[in-house]
Amino acid sequence: MSCRLDGGWSEWVDGDCSVTCGVGEQTQSRTCNNPEPANGGAECTLEDGTTGRTEERVVPWPCDQGPCPIDGGWSEWVDGDCSVTCGVGEQTQSRTCNNPEPANGGAECTLEDGTTGRAEERVVPWPCDRGPCPIGTDGGWSNWVDGDCSVTCGVGEQTQSRTCNNPEPANGGAECTLEDGTTGRTEERVVPWPCDRGPCPIDGGWSEWVDGDCSVTCGVGEQTQSRTCNNPEPANGGAECTLEDGTTGWTEERIVPWPCDQGPCPIDGGWSEWVDGDCSVTCGVGEQTQSRTCNNPEPANGGAECTLEDGTTGWTEERIVPWPCDQGPCP
């Protein structure tokens, strides 16, 4: 007859969180399958004292599903610039999607044209009045200001720029005159002296693979190779070499798919079994000799000969055994 086997609980396993975002209640479950009840054995005891095959509980620590998405909301409309600096012009307004800002994957605000975005402008139906226009002022150039170099490292061309804001043209005054005779608000030029951004970074490059040690001193083993990040070495903040696993470093070793052969290994000799030899007499009772040979295996490739009972080495050995040999009665 089969023995009665009572059920045992599995480990508690985390289930679903009560929320899809934010902090909620963590559930766990377990199953009466460690072992399952068999041959009339009892089901597992639940925490309320009853029995059953499965059980769920809410644990005292919360589950955190990360912050919830927050859809953006518009700020109030704010008056912007008037289209004119004097006289009557169009009034613009703007608003920003920051009340609140979209966060955690929430939607941007809906613009008046049905699309979405972070900012919106409009022209309102009422005008803006900047008062009567004064007499015009012609623009004047600011000083030249160094701009970007044409290179980020090494020696390149130096640019300069200036702006027509000293003063700015106003009330219909003329813009500034560029070096080519036209007019405008900004101007750039390349100056005759270079800019020096310091030495350029040099990324490292690998040397050739070089054979290293074999994994064995005799026989066939694994061949290692190594290479060094010195062709060229990284310099001026340049990157180290890329290893075969995708990381970077200065040296790398590998095991190549072809073996290294260090030649046959030495094989030390081993004795054969003792073999009975001749009896010391041809009739009657005499001494029994035995011999053995160093061929199990034979020494090879410089391996040692067998050790004789006197501590020396050799290929054959004889001995007289303590039991006699009986050749039968003598005639």
Protein backbone atom coordinates (compact mmCIF):
# COMPACT_ATOMS: atom_id res chain seq x y z
CA MET A 1 0.00 0.00 0.00
CA SER A 2 1.16 3.60 -0.74
CA CYS A 3 1.93 5.80 2.26
CA ARG A 4 -0.18 8.85 3.10
CA LEU A 5 1.64 12.05 2.09
CA ASP A 6 0.60 15.42 3.55
CA GLY A 7 0.95 18.53 1.37
CA GLY A 8 3.62 21.20 1.92
CA TRP A 9 3.73 24.86 0.88
CA SER A 10 5.93 26.25 -1.88
CA GLU A 11 7.82 29.53 -1.25
CA TRP A 12 5.78 32.77 -1.36
CA VAL A 13 5.87 34.29 -4.87
CA ASP A 14 5.21 37.99 -5.59
CA GLY A 15 2.02 38.64 -7.57
CA ASP A 16 0.59 41.76 -9.18
CA CYS A 17 0.79 45.17 -7.57
CA SER A 18 -2.58 46.80 -6.81
CA VAL A 19 -1.67 49.80 -9.00
CA THR A 20 0.04 50.27 -12.38
CA CYS A 21 1.86 53.41 -11.25
CA GLY A 22 2.74 54.94 -7.89
CA VAL A 23 2.81 52.95 -4.64
CA GLY A 24 0.30 50.17 -3.97
CA GLU A 25 -0.26 46.93 -2.11
CA GLN A 26 1.96 43.94 -2.88
CA THR A 27 0.28 40.53 -3.08
CA GLN A 28 1.98 37.15 -2.75
CA SER A 29 0.77 33.60 -3.37
CA ARG A 30 1.88 30.09 -2.62
CA THR A 31 0.83 26.61 -3.73
CA CYS A 32 0.44 23.35 -1.82
CA ASN A 33 2.84 21.42 -4.08
CA ASN A 34 5.98 20.96 -2.02
CA PRO A 35 4.94 18.12 -1.98
CA GLU A 36 1.36 17.84 -3.23
CA PRO A 37 -0.99 15.85 -0.92
CA ALA A 38 -1.14 12.21 -2.03
CA ASN A 39 -2.78 8.96 -0.98
CA GLY A 40 -5.27 10.73 1.27
CA GLY A 41 -2.71 13.07 2.81
CA ALA A 42 -3.86 16.42 4.25
CA GLU A 43 -3.95 19.64 2.26
CA CYS A 44 -1.80 22.55 3.46
CA THR A 45 -2.88 24.71 6.42
CA LEU A 46 -3.75 28.30 5.48
CA GLU A 47 -2.90 31.22 7.74
CA ASP A 48 -6.56 31.37 8.91
CA GLY A 49 -6.39 27.77 10.11
CA THR A 50 -8.36 26.22 7.24
CA THR A 51 -6.80 24.00 4.57
CA GLY A 52 -6.46 24.37 0.84
CA ARG A 53 -4.30 24.13 -2.24
CA THR A 54 -3.49 27.84 -2.82
CA GLU A 55 -3.25 30.95 -0.65
CA GLU A 56 -2.83 34.66 -1.28
CA ARG A 57 -1.88 37.48 1.10
CA VAL A 58 -1.17 41.20 1.10
CA VAL A 59 2.30 41.82 2.53
CA PRO A 60 3.02 44.77 4.86
CA TRP A 61 5.57 46.33 2.50
CA PRO A 62 4.36 48.33 -0.52
CA CYS A 63 5.14 47.87 -4.22
CA ASP A 64 6.40 50.87 -6.19
CA GLN A 65 5.48 50.93 -9.91
CA GLY A 66 7.25 54.22 -10.52
CA PRO A 67 5.77 57.69 -10.85
CA CYS A 68 2.39 58.05 -12.61
CA PRO A 69 2.14 59.92 -15.95
CA ILE A 70 1.14 63.58 -15.56
CA ASP A 71 -0.56 65.28 -18.54
CA GLY A 72 0.54 68.85 -19.20
CA GLY A 73 -1.71 71.87 -18.57
CA TRP A 74 -1.59 75.39 -20.01
CA SER A 75 -0.49 78.46 -18.10
CA GLU A 76 -2.50 81.66 -18.46
CA TRP A 77 -2.06 83.66 -21.68
CA VAL A 78 0.71 86.26 -21.26
CA ASP A 79 1.09 89.37 -23.43
CA GLY A 80 4.15 89.30 -25.63
CA ASP A 81 5.81 91.87 -27.86
CA CYS A 82 3.88 94.32 -29.94
CA SER A 83 4.58 94.08 -33.68
CA VAL A 84 5.85 97.69 -33.62
CA THR A 85 8.01 99.74 -31.30
CA CYS A 86 6.02 102.87 -31.97
CA GLY A 87 2.52 103.54 -33.28
CA VAL A 88 -0.26 100.91 -33.34
CA GLY A 89 0.47 97.25 -34.10
CA GLU A 90 -0.62 93.66 -33.49
CA GLN A 91 -0.57 92.27 -29.95
CA THR A 92 0.79 88.73 -29.45
CA GLN A 93 0.21 86.44 -26.49
CA SER A 94 1.87 83.19 -25.46
CA ARG A 95 1.28 80.41 -23.02
CA THR A 96 3.41 77.51 -21.80
CA CYS A 97 2.54 73.87 -21.05
CA ASN A 98 3.78 74.03 -17.46
CA ASN A 99 0.67 74.02 -15.30
CA PRO A 100 1.70 71.30 -14.71
CA GLU A 101 4.49 70.26 -17.08
CA PRO A 102 4.06 66.82 -18.71
CA ALA A 103 5.97 64.21 -16.71
CA ASN A 104 6.57 60.46 -16.67
CA GLY A 105 5.24 59.98 -20.21
CA GLY A 106 2.17 62.22 -19.78
CA ALA A 107 0.70 64.01 -22.82
CA GLU A 108 1.76 67.48 -23.95
CA CYS A 109 -0.85 70.25 -24.09
CA THR A 110 -3.33 70.51 -26.97
CA LEU A 111 -2.81 73.57 -29.18
CA GLU A 112 -5.69 75.50 -30.72
CA ASP A 113 -5.07 73.76 -34.07
CA GLY A 114 -5.52 70.32 -32.47
CA THR A 115 -1.85 69.35 -32.39
CA THR A 116 0.18 69.11 -29.18
CA GLY A 117 3.20 71.03 -27.91
CA ARG A 118 4.93 72.82 -25.06
CA ALA A 119 4.32 76.45 -26.09
CA GLU A 120 1.81 78.40 -28.18
CA GLU A 121 1.53 81.95 -29.53
CA ARG A 122 -1.42 83.86 -30.98
CA VAL A 123 -2.28 87.30 -32.31
CA VAL A 124 -5.21 88.73 -30.37
CA PRO A 125 -7.99 90.76 -32.09
CA TRP A 126 -7.20 93.96 -30.14
CA PRO A 127 -4.24 96.18 -31.13
CA CYS A 128 -1.31 97.42 -29.10
CA ASP A 129 -0.39 101.12 -29.07
CA ARG A 130 3.27 102.07 -28.55
CA GLY A 131 2.71 105.82 -28.83
CA PRO A 132 3.96 108.21 -31.50
CA CYS A 133 7.15 107.22 -33.33
CA PRO A 134 10.32 109.31 -32.62
CA ILE A 135 12.86 110.47 -35.21
CA GLY A 136 14.96 107.64 -36.74
CA THR A 137 18.45 106.58 -35.41
CA ASP A 138 21.08 104.85 -37.62
CA GLY A 139 22.72 101.69 -36.28
CA GLY A 140 26.36 101.41 -35.16
CA TRP A 141 28.68 98.38 -34.86
CA SER A 142 29.73 96.76 -31.58
CA ASN A 143 33.37 95.66 -31.17
CA TRP A 144 34.51 92.47 -32.90
CA VAL A 145 34.10 89.40 -30.61
CA ASP A 146 35.99 86.10 -31.06
CA GLY A 147 33.71 83.25 -32.12
CA ASP A 148 34.30 79.52 -32.53
CA CYS A 149 37.53 78.07 -33.85
CA SER A 150 37.10 75.99 -37.03
CA VAL A 151 38.52 72.93 -35.23
CA THR A 152 38.06 71.42 -31.78
CA CYS A 153 41.72 70.36 -31.56
CA GLY A 154 44.89 71.39 -33.34
CA VAL A 155 45.28 74.72 -35.22
CA GLY A 156 42.36 76.20 -37.19
CA GLU A 157 40.78 79.41 -38.44
CA GLN A 158 39.57 82.04 -35.95
CA THR A 159 36.21 83.71 -36.64
CA GLN A 160 34.94 86.98 -35.21
CA SER A 161 31.50 88.58 -35.21
CA ARG A 162 29.97 91.97 -34.47
CA THR A 163 26.42 93.22 -34.02
CA CYS A 164 24.67 96.39 -35.18
CA ASN A 165 23.59 97.42 -31.68
CA ASN A 166 25.81 100.35 -30.76
CA PRO A 167 23.23 101.80 -31.13
CA GLU A 168 20.61 99.64 -32.79
CA PRO A 169 18.80 101.18 -35.76
CA ALA A 170 15.58 102.76 -34.49
CA ASN A 171 12.53 104.51 -35.87
CA GLY A 172 13.48 103.81 -39.50
CA GLY A 173 17.21 104.52 -39.10
CA ALA A 174 19.69 102.72 -41.37
CA GLU A 175 21.27 99.33 -40.56
CA CYS A 176 25.05 99.08 -40.28
CA THR A 177 27.30 98.87 -43.35
CA LEU A 178 29.08 95.51 -43.78
CA GLU A 179 32.65 95.21 -45.12
CA ASP A 180 31.29 94.20 -48.55
CA GLY A 181 29.27 97.43 -48.78
CA THR A 182 25.86 95.93 -48.04
CA THR A 183 23.94 96.56 -44.83
CA GLY A 184 22.80 94.26 -42.06
CA ARG A 185 22.49 93.59 -38.35
CA THR A 186 25.35 91.06 -37.88
CA GLU A 187 28.66 90.32 -39.60
CA GLU A 188 31.27 87.54 -39.35
CA ARG A 189 34.83 87.34 -40.64
CA VAL A 190 37.84 84.99 -40.57
CA VAL A 191 40.88 86.76 -39.09
CA PRO A 192 44.42 86.23 -40.45
CA TRP A 193 45.75 84.75 -37.17
CA PRO A 194 45.02 81.11 -36.28
CA CYS A 195 43.40 79.61 -33.19
CA ASP A 196 45.13 76.75 -31.35
CA ARG A 197 42.93 74.23 -29.49
CA GLY A 198 45.81 72.08 -28.24
CA PRO A 199 46.83 68.60 -29.39
CA CYS A 200 44.12 66.32 -30.79
CA PRO A 201 43.16 63.11 -28.97
CA ILE A 202 44.77 59.98 -30.43
CA ASP A 203 42.78 56.77 -30.05
CA GLY A 204 44.79 53.66 -29.24
CA GLY A 205 45.40 50.90 -31.79
CA TRP A 206 46.24 47.22 -31.27
CA SER A 207 49.64 45.69 -31.94
CA GLU A 208 49.77 42.34 -33.78
CA TRP A 209 48.82 39.22 -31.79
CA VAL A 210 51.93 37.60 -30.23
CA ASP A 211 52.09 33.93 -29.20
CA GLY A 212 52.37 33.36 -25.44
CA ASP A 213 53.00 30.24 -23.36
CA CYS A 214 51.48 26.87 -24.18
CA SER A 215 49.18 25.49 -21.47
CA VAL A 216 51.32 22.31 -21.20
CA THR A 217 55.06 21.55 -21.17
CA CYS A 218 54.63 18.35 -23.17
CA GLY A 219 51.96 16.99 -25.45
CA VAL A 220 49.27 19.10 -27.12
CA GLY A 221 47.73 22.07 -25.24
CA GLU A 222 46.02 25.42 -25.68
CA GLN A 223 47.92 28.26 -27.38
CA THR A 224 47.50 31.74 -25.87
CA GLN A 225 48.15 35.03 -27.64
CA SER A 226 48.34 38.60 -26.37
CA ARG A 227 48.31 42.08 -27.86
CA THR A 228 48.97 45.59 -26.52
CA CYS A 229 47.22 48.92 -27.15
CA ASN A 230 50.37 50.67 -28.38
CA ASN A 231 49.94 50.99 -32.14
CA PRO A 232 49.61 53.88 -31.35
CA GLU A 233 49.18 54.34 -27.60
CA PRO A 234 46.16 56.47 -26.58
CA ALA A 235 47.20 60.10 -26.08
CA ASN A 236 45.64 63.45 -25.20
CA GLY A 237 42.46 61.86 -23.89
CA GLY A 238 42.06 59.42 -26.79
CA ALA A 239 40.15 56.18 -26.28
CA GLU A 240 41.74 52.92 -25.19
CA CYS A 241 41.51 49.97 -27.56
CA THR A 242 38.30 47.95 -27.86
CA LEU A 243 38.57 44.38 -26.56
CA GLU A 244 36.77 41.49 -28.25
CA ASP A 245 34.07 41.58 -25.51
CA GLY A 246 33.26 45.22 -26.31
CA THR A 247 34.99 46.77 -23.27
CA THR A 248 38.20 48.80 -23.52
CA GLY A 249 41.70 48.28 -22.14
CA TRP A 250 45.45 48.29 -22.73
CA THR A 251 46.16 44.57 -23.07
CA GLU A 252 44.18 41.52 -24.18
CA GLU A 253 44.76 37.77 -24.14
CA ARG A 254 42.95 35.03 -26.02
CA ILE A 255 43.09 31.27 -26.57
CA VAL A 256 43.40 30.55 -30.30
CA PRO A 257 41.50 27.67 -31.94
CA TRP A 258 44.71 25.90 -33.04
CA PRO A 259 46.71 23.85 -30.50
CA CYS A 260 50.36 24.04 -29.48
CA ASP A 261 52.46 20.84 -29.59
CA GLN A 262 55.29 20.59 -27.04
CA GLY A 263 56.36 17.14 -28.23
CA PRO A 264 55.57 13.77 -26.63
CA CYS A 265 55.47 13.60 -22.83
CA PRO A 266 57.95 11.39 -20.90
CA ILE A 267 56.49 7.99 -19.93
CA ASP A 268 57.96 6.33 -16.82
CA GLY A 269 58.36 2.55 -17.00
CA GLY A 270 56.14 0.16 -15.04
CA TRP A 271 56.75 -3.45 -13.95
CA SER A 272 55.00 -6.43 -15.45
CA GLU A 273 53.63 -9.11 -13.12
CA TRP A 274 56.19 -11.47 -11.50
CA VAL A 275 56.62 -14.63 -13.63
CA ASP A 276 57.90 -17.96 -12.23
CA GLY A 277 61.29 -19.01 -13.58
CA ASP A 278 63.28 -22.29 -13.28
CA CYS A 279 63.46 -24.33 -10.08
CA SER A 280 66.97 -24.73 -8.65
CA VAL A 281 66.66 -28.54 -8.90
CA THR A 282 65.27 -30.94 -11.46
CA CYS A 283 63.93 -33.31 -8.80
CA GLY A 284 63.06 -32.99 -5.19
CA VAL A 285 62.46 -29.68 -3.41
CA GLY A 286 64.44 -26.52 -4.42
CA GLU A 287 64.36 -22.72 -4.56
CA GLN A 288 61.78 -20.97 -6.78
CA THR A 289 62.91 -17.92 -8.80
CA GLN A 290 60.67 -15.21 -10.34
CA SER A 291 61.38 -12.39 -12.80
CA ARG A 292 59.64 -9.25 -14.06
CA THR A 293 60.25 -6.81 -16.91
CA CYS A 294 59.96 -2.99 -17.08
CA ASN A 295 57.45 -3.01 -19.98
CA ASN A 296 54.10 -2.12 -18.41
CA PRO A 297 54.64 0.41 -19.97
CA GLU A 298 58.19 0.64 -21.29
CA PRO A 299 60.00 3.92 -20.51
CA ALA A 300 59.63 6.37 -23.44
CA ASN A 301 60.52 9.95 -24.37
CA GLY A 302 63.08 10.21 -21.57
CA GLY A 303 60.86 8.64 -18.89
CA ALA A 304 62.46 6.84 -15.90
CA GLU A 305 63.28 3.10 -15.80
CA CYS A 306 61.57 0.97 -13.17
CA THR A 307 62.76 0.97 -9.54
CA LEU A 308 64.25 -2.34 -8.38
CA GLU A 309 63.70 -3.65 -4.87
CA ASP A 310 67.23 -2.48 -3.90
CA GLY A 311 66.37 1.11 -4.87
CA THR A 312 68.31 1.18 -8.14
CA THR A 313 66.64 1.23 -11.56
CA GLY A 314 66.66 -1.17 -14.43
CA TRP A 315 64.72 -3.03 -17.08
CA THR A 316 64.57 -6.56 -15.52
CA GLU A 317 64.65 -8.00 -12.02
CA GLU A 318 64.87 -11.50 -10.52
CA ARG A 319 64.17 -12.78 -7.01
CA ILE A 320 64.01 -16.01 -4.98
CA VAL A 321 60.60 -16.39 -3.36
CA PRO A 322 60.23 -17.75 0.19
CA TRP A 323 58.21 -20.76 -0.94
CA PRO A 324 60.00 -23.85 -2.41
CA CYS A 325 59.43 -25.59 -5.72
CA ASP A 326 58.81 -29.34 -5.72
CA GLN A 327 60.02 -31.23 -8.81
CA GLY A 328 58.85 -34.62 -7.48
CA PRO A 329 60.91 -37.45 -5.97
CA CYS A 330 64.32 -38.02 -7.42
CA PRO A 331 64.93 -41.37 -9.14
